């Protein structure tokens, strides 16, 4: 589903702005689980952040996604694990300055709007 960014709560809008998201609408997935996996395209890098009462730090991937043979990989580029999404928390996932989507639980929908 799509939501108007203007209808989101201030803390979610602030997090989106910090990631360079400037579009009027955003894709939203209702799910109890999230994954931080979003490898970047050419010249872009994936980003992930949990936003709740206390937002987590932004985790950024490498430009262009995972680097073949790199000793250390960012979880955004390599970790496909599905985890439980804490209540009253939003997972922001996408590409810095480009496409971004939100994952929220149905129970927490009113905490985002």
Protein backbone atom coordinates (compact mmCIF):
# COMPACT_ATOMS: atom_id res chain seq x y z
CA UNK A 1 0.00 0.00 0.00
CA UNK A 2 1.05 3.61 -0.40
CA UNK A 3 0.81 6.33 2.24
CA UNK A 4 1.31 10.07 2.02
CA UNK A 5 4.53 11.02 3.81
CA UNK A 6 2.76 14.09 5.25
CA UNK A 7 0.42 11.76 7.19
CA UNK A 8 3.28 10.01 9.02
CA UNK A 9 4.33 10.90 12.57
CA UNK A 10 7.12 13.43 13.00
CA UNK A 11 9.80 10.92 14.10
CA UNK A 12 9.24 8.79 10.99
CA UNK A 13 9.28 11.84 8.67
CA UNK A 14 12.52 13.04 10.30
CA UNK A 15 14.18 9.67 9.70
CA UNK A 16 13.08 9.65 6.06
CA UNK A 17 14.36 13.18 5.53
CA UNK A 18 17.75 12.25 7.03
CA UNK A 19 17.99 9.41 4.48
CA UNK A 20 17.33 11.81 1.60
CA UNK A 21 13.77 10.63 0.90
CA UNK A 22 11.82 13.53 -0.64
CA UNK A 23 8.85 11.89 -2.39
CA UNK A 24 5.25 12.63 -1.38
CA UNK A 25 4.21 8.98 -1.07
CA UNK A 26 5.93 5.91 0.31
CA UNK A 27 5.33 2.17 -0.05
CA UNK A 28 4.31 0.42 3.17
CA UNK A 29 4.34 -3.30 3.89
CA UNK A 30 2.34 -4.72 6.80
CA UNK A 31 4.37 -7.55 8.31
CA UNK A 32 5.48 -8.90 11.69
CA UNK A 33 8.98 -9.55 10.30
CA UNK A 34 11.64 -7.48 8.56
CA UNK A 35 14.92 -8.02 6.77
CA UNK A 36 17.71 -5.45 6.53
CA UNK A 37 18.86 -6.83 3.14
CA UNK A 38 18.80 -4.26 0.33
CA UNK A 39 21.92 -4.25 -1.84
CA UNK A 40 22.51 -1.00 -3.71
CA UNK A 41 22.44 -0.60 -7.47
CA UNK A 42 25.23 0.98 -9.50
CA UNK A 43 26.34 4.12 -7.70
CA UNK A 44 23.81 3.69 -4.89
CA UNK A 45 23.96 2.04 -1.51
CA UNK A 46 21.32 0.33 0.56
CA UNK A 47 20.18 1.77 3.88
CA UNK A 48 18.32 0.33 6.85
CA UNK A 49 17.01 1.83 10.08
CA UNK A 50 14.60 0.84 12.84
CA UNK A 51 12.59 3.81 14.07
CA UNK A 52 10.70 3.57 17.34
CA UNK A 53 10.76 5.31 20.70
CA UNK A 54 14.56 5.33 20.39
CA UNK A 55 15.67 5.17 16.74
CA UNK A 56 18.57 2.90 15.89
CA UNK A 57 21.58 4.07 13.93
CA UNK A 58 21.36 4.02 10.15
CA UNK A 59 23.14 1.01 8.65
CA UNK A 60 24.51 1.66 5.18
CA UNK A 61 25.72 -0.81 2.61
CA UNK A 62 28.51 -0.43 0.08
CA UNK A 63 28.03 1.57 -3.12
CA UNK A 64 26.83 -0.90 -5.74
CA UNK A 65 26.08 -3.61 -3.14
CA UNK A 66 28.29 -6.33 -1.71
CA UNK A 67 31.89 -6.33 -2.88
CA UNK A 68 33.11 -9.71 -4.10
CA UNK A 69 35.93 -10.95 -1.89
CA UNK A 70 35.60 -8.19 0.71
CA UNK A 71 36.64 -9.30 4.20
CA UNK A 72 33.75 -7.49 5.82
CA UNK A 73 30.25 -7.08 4.40
CA UNK A 74 27.57 -4.68 5.63
CA UNK A 75 24.44 -6.48 6.89
CA UNK A 76 22.45 -4.39 4.39
CA UNK A 77 24.40 -6.05 1.56
CA UNK A 78 24.44 -9.60 2.89
CA UNK A 79 22.06 -10.42 5.81
CA UNK A 80 18.79 -11.92 4.52
CA UNK A 81 17.60 -13.08 7.97
CA UNK A 82 13.94 -12.28 8.73
CA UNK A 83 13.54 -10.94 12.28
CA UNK A 84 10.55 -10.08 14.50
CA UNK A 85 9.64 -6.42 14.16
CA UNK A 86 9.24 -4.91 17.64
CA UNK A 87 5.90 -3.31 18.42
CA UNK A 88 5.63 0.45 17.80
CA UNK A 89 8.66 0.25 15.51
CA UNK A 90 9.04 0.98 11.80
CA UNK A 91 11.69 -0.63 9.59
CA UNK A 92 12.95 1.70 6.86
CA UNK A 93 14.67 -0.05 3.97
CA UNK A 94 15.84 1.08 0.57
CA UNK A 95 18.48 3.10 -1.25
CA UNK A 96 19.95 6.29 0.13
CA UNK A 97 18.45 9.26 -1.70
CA UNK A 98 16.19 7.02 -3.79
CA UNK A 99 13.57 4.31 -3.31
CA UNK A 100 12.64 3.62 0.32
CA UNK A 101 9.82 1.59 1.88
CA UNK A 102 8.44 1.10 5.38
CA UNK A 103 7.60 -2.16 7.13
CA UNK A 104 5.23 -1.97 10.09
CA UNK A 105 3.07 -4.42 12.00
CA UNK A 106 -0.70 -4.12 11.74
CA UNK A 107 -0.80 -3.56 15.53
CA UNK A 108 1.57 -0.58 15.22
CA UNK A 109 -0.13 1.11 12.27
CA UNK A 110 -1.68 3.85 14.43
CA UNK A 111 1.74 4.59 15.99
CA UNK A 112 3.06 5.60 12.57
CA UNK A 113 0.14 7.74 11.42
